[in-house]
Amino acid sequence: QVQLVESGGGSVQAGGSHGLSCAASEYTYSIYCMGWFRQTPGKEREGVATIDSDGSTSYADSVKGRFTISKDNAKNTLYLHMNSLKPEDTAVYYCAAASTVLAVSRPLLPGSYNGWGQGTQVTVSS
């Protein structure tokens, strides 16, 4: 199973930009979809942005126009660039990978993913 390691978490002022990276331990040819999810205390994990093997992307309504997901297959790395950050974007962000085809039809559903990183905290202050 692919191992995922996030990096780039930190603190940022509202309105600012920040980027996250996720390094995969192996070539992701067997991965149908990869994505970023986030979770705050007391809430369920939610899908933020995903990208499938063809490069098609999906975004949560709350981040559309502000966040951009991308990947570098040569480096086995997934990225999330976040602009116009808001305090409500504060969360632990998780990188995820799906080796099942379920993620193709339901990309923003956490249950579609079977590989997870350890998470990285992003804090947006007002």
N, C-alpha and C. Protein backbone atom coordinates (compact mmCIF):
# COMPACT_ATOMS: atom_id res chain seq x y z
N GLN A 1 0.85 -1.19 0.00
CA GLN A 1 0.00 0.00 0.00
C GLN A 1 0.89 1.24 0.00
N VAL A 2 0.51 2.21 -0.80
CA VAL A 2 1.32 3.41 -0.92
C VAL A 2 1.35 4.17 0.40
N GLN A 3 2.52 4.68 0.75
CA GLN A 3 2.68 5.50 1.95
C GLN A 3 2.66 6.97 1.53
N LEU A 4 1.97 7.79 2.31
CA LEU A 4 1.81 9.20 1.98
C LEU A 4 2.31 10.05 3.13
N VAL A 5 3.09 11.08 2.81
CA VAL A 5 3.63 11.97 3.83
C VAL A 5 3.37 13.41 3.43
N GLU A 6 2.56 14.09 4.23
CA GLU A 6 2.26 15.49 3.97
C GLU A 6 3.33 16.40 4.56
N SER A 7 3.45 17.56 3.95
CA SER A 7 4.33 18.60 4.50
C SER A 7 3.78 19.95 4.09
N GLY A 8 4.19 20.98 4.83
CA GLY A 8 3.80 22.34 4.48
C GLY A 8 2.80 22.98 5.41
N GLY A 9 2.35 22.26 6.40
CA GLY A 9 1.41 22.86 7.33
C GLY A 9 2.02 24.02 8.08
N GLY A 10 1.17 24.88 8.61
CA GLY A 10 1.66 26.03 9.36
C GLY A 10 0.57 27.03 9.61
N SER A 11 0.98 28.23 9.99
CA SER A 11 0.04 29.30 10.30
C SER A 11 0.13 30.39 9.24
N VAL A 12 -1.01 30.96 8.93
CA VAL A 12 -1.06 32.00 7.90
C VAL A 12 -2.17 32.98 8.25
N GLN A 13 -2.01 34.21 7.82
CA GLN A 13 -3.03 35.23 8.04
C GLN A 13 -4.17 35.06 7.04
N ALA A 14 -5.36 35.41 7.48
CA ALA A 14 -6.52 35.38 6.58
C ALA A 14 -6.23 36.24 5.36
N GLY A 15 -6.65 35.72 4.21
CA GLY A 15 -6.40 36.42 2.96
C GLY A 15 -5.10 36.03 2.29
N GLY A 16 -4.27 35.30 3.02
CA GLY A 16 -2.98 34.89 2.50
C GLY A 16 -3.05 33.60 1.72
N SER A 17 -1.88 33.15 1.29
CA SER A 17 -1.75 31.92 0.51
C SER A 17 -0.83 30.95 1.21
N HIS A 18 -1.02 29.68 0.90
CA HIS A 18 -0.19 28.64 1.50
C HIS A 18 -0.26 27.40 0.65
N GLY A 19 0.80 26.59 0.71
CA GLY A 19 0.83 25.38 -0.08
C GLY A 19 1.17 24.15 0.73
N LEU A 20 0.58 23.03 0.33
CA LEU A 20 0.84 21.73 0.95
C LEU A 20 1.39 20.77 -0.09
N SER A 21 2.21 19.84 0.36
CA SER A 21 2.74 18.80 -0.51
C SER A 21 2.49 17.44 0.11
N CYS A 22 2.41 16.44 -0.75
CA CYS A 22 2.23 15.07 -0.28
C CYS A 22 3.10 14.17 -1.14
N ALA A 23 4.07 13.55 -0.50
CA ALA A 23 4.98 12.65 -1.21
C ALA A 23 4.50 11.22 -1.07
N ALA A 24 4.39 10.54 -2.20
CA ALA A 24 3.99 9.14 -2.21
C ALA A 24 5.23 8.26 -2.27
N SER A 25 5.15 7.12 -1.62
CA SER A 25 6.33 6.27 -1.48
C SER A 25 6.66 5.47 -2.72
N GLU A 26 5.73 5.43 -3.67
CA GLU A 26 5.97 4.62 -4.86
C GLU A 26 5.23 5.22 -6.02
N TYR A 27 5.54 4.73 -7.18
CA TYR A 27 4.86 5.19 -8.38
C TYR A 27 3.37 4.94 -8.25
N THR A 28 2.59 5.94 -8.57
CA THR A 28 1.16 5.88 -8.31
C THR A 28 0.35 5.41 -9.50
N TYR A 29 0.93 4.51 -10.31
CA TYR A 29 0.22 4.08 -11.50
C TYR A 29 -1.03 3.29 -11.15
N SER A 30 -1.04 2.69 -9.96
CA SER A 30 -2.19 1.88 -9.55
C SER A 30 -3.23 2.69 -8.80
N ILE A 31 -3.01 4.00 -8.72
CA ILE A 31 -3.91 4.88 -7.98
C ILE A 31 -4.93 5.51 -8.94
N TYR A 32 -6.20 5.36 -8.63
CA TYR A 32 -7.24 5.95 -9.46
C TYR A 32 -7.39 7.44 -9.18
N CYS A 33 -7.23 7.80 -7.93
CA CYS A 33 -7.50 9.18 -7.54
C CYS A 33 -6.69 9.53 -6.31
N MET A 34 -6.28 10.77 -6.23
CA MET A 34 -5.64 11.28 -5.02
C MET A 34 -6.32 12.57 -4.62
N GLY A 35 -6.26 12.88 -3.34
CA GLY A 35 -6.96 14.07 -2.93
C GLY A 35 -6.51 14.62 -1.59
N TRP A 36 -7.05 15.75 -1.29
CA TRP A 36 -6.85 16.41 -0.01
C TRP A 36 -8.18 16.47 0.74
N PHE A 37 -8.11 16.13 2.01
CA PHE A 37 -9.26 16.17 2.88
C PHE A 37 -8.87 16.98 4.11
N ARG A 38 -9.86 17.41 4.88
CA ARG A 38 -9.55 18.15 6.09
C ARG A 38 -10.55 17.80 7.18
N GLN A 39 -10.12 18.02 8.40
CA GLN A 39 -10.96 17.68 9.54
C GLN A 39 -10.67 18.64 10.70
N THR A 40 -11.74 19.06 11.35
CA THR A 40 -11.64 19.87 12.56
C THR A 40 -12.25 19.08 13.71
N PRO A 41 -11.88 19.39 14.94
CA PRO A 41 -12.40 18.64 16.09
C PRO A 41 -13.92 18.61 16.12
N GLY A 42 -14.46 17.43 16.33
CA GLY A 42 -15.90 17.28 16.43
C GLY A 42 -16.64 17.19 15.12
N LYS A 43 -15.90 17.30 14.02
CA LYS A 43 -16.54 17.24 12.70
C LYS A 43 -16.00 16.07 11.90
N GLU A 44 -16.79 15.64 10.93
CA GLU A 44 -16.35 14.58 10.06
C GLU A 44 -15.31 15.10 9.05
N ARG A 45 -14.48 14.17 8.61
CA ARG A 45 -13.50 14.53 7.59
C ARG A 45 -14.25 14.86 6.29
N GLU A 46 -13.82 15.92 5.62
CA GLU A 46 -14.50 16.34 4.40
C GLU A 46 -13.52 16.44 3.24
N GLY A 47 -14.04 16.17 2.06
CA GLY A 47 -13.22 16.29 0.87
C GLY A 47 -13.01 17.74 0.51
N VAL A 48 -11.79 18.08 0.14
CA VAL A 48 -11.44 19.44 -0.25
C VAL A 48 -11.18 19.52 -1.76
N ALA A 49 -10.30 18.67 -2.25
CA ALA A 49 -9.95 18.69 -3.67
C ALA A 49 -9.36 17.34 -4.05
N THR A 50 -9.70 16.87 -5.25
CA THR A 50 -9.18 15.60 -5.70
C THR A 50 -8.76 15.70 -7.17
N ILE A 51 -7.90 14.76 -7.56
CA ILE A 51 -7.46 14.70 -8.95
C ILE A 51 -7.31 13.23 -9.32
N ASP A 52 -7.86 12.86 -10.48
CA ASP A 52 -7.79 11.45 -10.84
C ASP A 52 -6.63 11.20 -11.79
N SER A 53 -6.49 9.97 -12.23
CA SER A 53 -5.34 9.57 -13.04
C SER A 53 -5.31 10.27 -14.40
N ASP A 54 -6.47 10.77 -14.84
CA ASP A 54 -6.53 11.50 -16.11
C ASP A 54 -6.32 13.00 -15.92
N GLY A 55 -6.19 13.42 -14.66
CA GLY A 55 -6.00 14.83 -14.39
C GLY A 55 -7.26 15.61 -14.13
N SER A 56 -8.40 14.92 -14.13
CA SER A 56 -9.66 15.60 -13.83
C SER A 56 -9.73 15.93 -12.34
N THR A 57 -10.21 17.12 -12.05
CA THR A 57 -10.24 17.59 -10.67
C THR A 57 -11.66 17.79 -10.16
N SER A 58 -11.80 17.70 -8.84
CA SER A 58 -13.06 17.99 -8.16
C SER A 58 -12.74 18.84 -6.94
N TYR A 59 -13.63 19.77 -6.65
CA TYR A 59 -13.42 20.67 -5.50
C TYR A 59 -14.69 20.78 -4.68
N ALA A 60 -14.50 20.92 -3.39
CA ALA A 60 -15.63 21.26 -2.53
C ALA A 60 -16.08 22.68 -2.87
N ASP A 61 -17.37 22.93 -2.75
CA ASP A 61 -17.89 24.26 -3.08
C ASP A 61 -17.21 25.34 -2.25
N SER A 62 -16.86 25.02 -1.03
CA SER A 62 -16.29 26.02 -0.11
C SER A 62 -14.89 26.48 -0.53
N VAL A 63 -14.23 25.74 -1.43
CA VAL A 63 -12.87 26.12 -1.81
C VAL A 63 -12.73 26.41 -3.30
N LYS A 64 -13.80 26.23 -4.06
CA LYS A 64 -13.73 26.48 -5.50
C LYS A 64 -13.29 27.92 -5.78
N GLY A 65 -12.36 28.05 -6.70
CA GLY A 65 -11.86 29.37 -7.04
C GLY A 65 -10.75 29.86 -6.13
N ARG A 66 -10.53 29.16 -5.02
CA ARG A 66 -9.48 29.57 -4.08
C ARG A 66 -8.35 28.55 -3.99
N PHE A 67 -8.69 27.26 -4.07
CA PHE A 67 -7.70 26.19 -3.93
C PHE A 67 -7.45 25.54 -5.29
N THR A 68 -6.23 25.08 -5.48
CA THR A 68 -5.88 24.37 -6.71
C THR A 68 -5.09 23.11 -6.36
N ILE A 69 -5.55 21.98 -6.87
CA ILE A 69 -4.85 20.72 -6.67
C ILE A 69 -4.07 20.39 -7.93
N SER A 70 -2.89 19.82 -7.74
CA SER A 70 -2.08 19.42 -8.88
C SER A 70 -1.18 18.26 -8.46
N LYS A 71 -0.58 17.62 -9.43
CA LYS A 71 0.32 16.51 -9.10
C LYS A 71 1.47 16.48 -10.09
N ASP A 72 2.58 15.97 -9.63
CA ASP A 72 3.76 15.77 -10.46
C ASP A 72 4.06 14.28 -10.45
N ASN A 73 3.68 13.59 -11.51
CA ASN A 73 3.84 12.13 -11.55
C ASN A 73 5.32 11.73 -11.51
N ALA A 74 6.17 12.54 -12.07
CA ALA A 74 7.60 12.22 -12.08
C ALA A 74 8.19 12.22 -10.67
N LYS A 75 7.62 13.06 -9.82
CA LYS A 75 8.09 13.16 -8.44
C LYS A 75 7.20 12.43 -7.45
N ASN A 76 6.13 11.78 -7.96
CA ASN A 76 5.17 11.09 -7.08
C ASN A 76 4.68 12.03 -5.98
N THR A 77 4.35 13.25 -6.35
CA THR A 77 3.99 14.26 -5.36
C THR A 77 2.68 14.95 -5.73
N LEU A 78 1.86 15.14 -4.74
CA LEU A 78 0.58 15.82 -4.87
C LEU A 78 0.70 17.17 -4.17
N TYR A 79 0.04 18.17 -4.74
CA TYR A 79 0.12 19.51 -4.17
C TYR A 79 -1.28 20.10 -3.95
N LEU A 80 -1.33 21.03 -3.02
CA LEU A 80 -2.54 21.82 -2.83
C LEU A 80 -2.11 23.26 -2.60
N HIS A 81 -2.50 24.14 -3.52
CA HIS A 81 -2.19 25.55 -3.36
C HIS A 81 -3.46 26.26 -2.92
N MET A 82 -3.35 26.99 -1.83
CA MET A 82 -4.51 27.63 -1.21
C MET A 82 -4.35 29.14 -1.24
N ASN A 83 -5.32 29.81 -1.83
CA ASN A 83 -5.34 31.27 -1.88
C ASN A 83 -6.53 31.80 -1.09
N SER A 84 -6.46 33.08 -0.77
CA SER A 84 -7.58 33.76 -0.09
C SER A 84 -8.07 32.96 1.10
N LEU A 85 -7.14 32.53 1.92
CA LEU A 85 -7.48 31.67 3.04
C LEU A 85 -8.37 32.39 4.05
N LYS A 86 -9.25 31.60 4.65
CA LYS A 86 -10.21 32.10 5.64
C LYS A 86 -10.01 31.35 6.96
N PRO A 87 -10.40 31.95 8.07
CA PRO A 87 -10.28 31.23 9.35
C PRO A 87 -10.99 29.88 9.34
N GLU A 88 -12.07 29.78 8.58
CA GLU A 88 -12.79 28.50 8.53
C GLU A 88 -12.05 27.43 7.73
N ASP A 89 -10.95 27.79 7.10
CA ASP A 89 -10.10 26.79 6.44
C ASP A 89 -9.16 26.11 7.43
N THR A 90 -9.14 26.60 8.66
CA THR A 90 -8.30 25.99 9.69
C THR A 90 -8.72 24.54 9.92
N ALA A 91 -7.77 23.63 9.83
CA ALA A 91 -8.06 22.21 9.97
C ALA A 91 -6.78 21.41 9.87
N VAL A 92 -6.89 20.14 10.17
CA VAL A 92 -5.82 19.19 9.83
C VAL A 92 -6.11 18.71 8.41
N TYR A 93 -5.14 18.85 7.56
CA TYR A 93 -5.29 18.47 6.16
C TYR A 93 -4.61 17.12 5.93
N TYR A 94 -5.33 16.23 5.26
CA TYR A 94 -4.84 14.89 4.99
C TYR A 94 -4.74 14.66 3.49
N CYS A 95 -3.68 14.00 3.12
CA CYS A 95 -3.52 13.52 1.76
C CYS A 95 -4.07 12.10 1.69
N ALA A 96 -4.72 11.75 0.59
CA ALA A 96 -5.30 10.42 0.46
C ALA A 96 -5.13 9.88 -0.95
N ALA A 97 -5.10 8.56 -1.03
CA ALA A 97 -4.99 7.89 -2.32
C ALA A 97 -6.01 6.77 -2.39
N ALA A 98 -6.58 6.57 -3.57
CA ALA A 98 -7.58 5.53 -3.76
C ALA A 98 -7.12 4.55 -4.82
N SER A 99 -7.03 3.29 -4.45
CA SER A 99 -6.68 2.25 -5.41
C SER A 99 -7.90 1.49 -5.87
N THR A 100 -9.09 2.01 -5.53
CA THR A 100 -10.33 1.40 -5.99
C THR A 100 -11.05 2.37 -6.92
N VAL A 101 -11.82 1.83 -7.83
CA VAL A 101 -12.49 2.65 -8.83
C VAL A 101 -13.63 3.46 -8.23
N LEU A 102 -14.03 3.16 -7.00
CA LEU A 102 -15.12 3.89 -6.36
C LEU A 102 -14.83 5.39 -6.34
N ALA A 103 -13.57 5.75 -6.16
CA ALA A 103 -13.21 7.16 -6.04
C ALA A 103 -13.47 7.92 -7.34
N VAL A 104 -13.54 7.22 -8.45
CA VAL A 104 -13.77 7.90 -9.72
C VAL A 104 -15.16 8.51 -9.75
N SER A 105 -16.13 7.78 -9.21
CA SER A 105 -17.52 8.27 -9.22
C SER A 105 -17.85 9.12 -8.01
N ARG A 106 -17.12 8.92 -6.91
CA ARG A 106 -17.38 9.68 -5.69
C ARG A 106 -16.06 10.22 -5.14
N PRO A 107 -15.44 11.12 -5.86
CA PRO A 107 -14.08 11.54 -5.51
C PRO A 107 -13.95 12.29 -4.19
N LEU A 108 -14.97 12.98 -3.75
CA LEU A 108 -14.85 13.76 -2.53
C LEU A 108 -15.33 13.01 -1.29
N LEU A 109 -15.65 11.75 -1.46
CA LEU A 109 -16.11 10.94 -0.33
C LEU A 109 -14.92 10.27 0.35
N PRO A 110 -14.66 10.57 1.61
CA PRO A 110 -13.50 9.97 2.29
C PRO A 110 -13.48 8.44 2.23
N GLY A 111 -14.66 7.83 2.30
CA GLY A 111 -14.74 6.37 2.27
C GLY A 111 -14.27 5.74 0.98
N SER A 112 -14.06 6.55 -0.06
CA SER A 112 -13.58 6.03 -1.34
C SER A 112 -12.08 5.79 -1.34
N TYR A 113 -11.40 6.24 -0.28
CA TYR A 113 -9.94 6.21 -0.23
C TYR A 113 -9.44 5.17 0.77
N ASN A 114 -8.37 4.50 0.41
CA ASN A 114 -7.84 3.45 1.27
C ASN A 114 -6.38 3.69 1.67
N GLY A 115 -5.87 4.86 1.40
CA GLY A 115 -4.53 5.21 1.86
C GLY A 115 -4.53 6.63 2.36
N TRP A 116 -3.95 6.85 3.54
CA TRP A 116 -4.00 8.18 4.16
C TRP A 116 -2.64 8.57 4.73
N GLY A 117 -2.37 9.86 4.65
CA GLY A 117 -1.21 10.40 5.33
C GLY A 117 -1.53 10.67 6.78
N GLN A 118 -0.54 11.18 7.50
CA GLN A 118 -0.71 11.39 8.94
C GLN A 118 -1.39 12.72 9.25
N GLY A 119 -1.48 13.60 8.26
CA GLY A 119 -2.14 14.89 8.46
C GLY A 119 -1.16 16.00 8.81
N THR A 120 -1.51 17.21 8.42
CA THR A 120 -0.70 18.37 8.75
C THR A 120 -1.64 19.54 9.08
N GLN A 121 -1.32 20.27 10.13
CA GLN A 121 -2.19 21.33 10.62
C GLN A 121 -1.99 22.60 9.82
N VAL A 122 -3.12 23.20 9.41
CA VAL A 122 -3.11 24.52 8.80
C VAL A 122 -3.99 25.42 9.67
N THR A 123 -3.44 26.52 10.13
CA THR A 123 -4.17 27.44 10.98
C THR A 123 -4.22 28.81 10.31
N VAL A 124 -5.43 29.32 10.11
CA VAL A 124 -5.61 30.62 9.48
C VAL A 124 -6.16 31.58 10.53
N SER A 125 -5.42 32.62 10.81
CA SER A 125 -5.82 33.57 11.83
C SER A 125 -6.39 34.84 11.19
N SER A 126 -7.36 35.41 11.88
CA SER A 126 -8.02 36.61 11.34
C SER A 126 -7.30 37.87 11.78
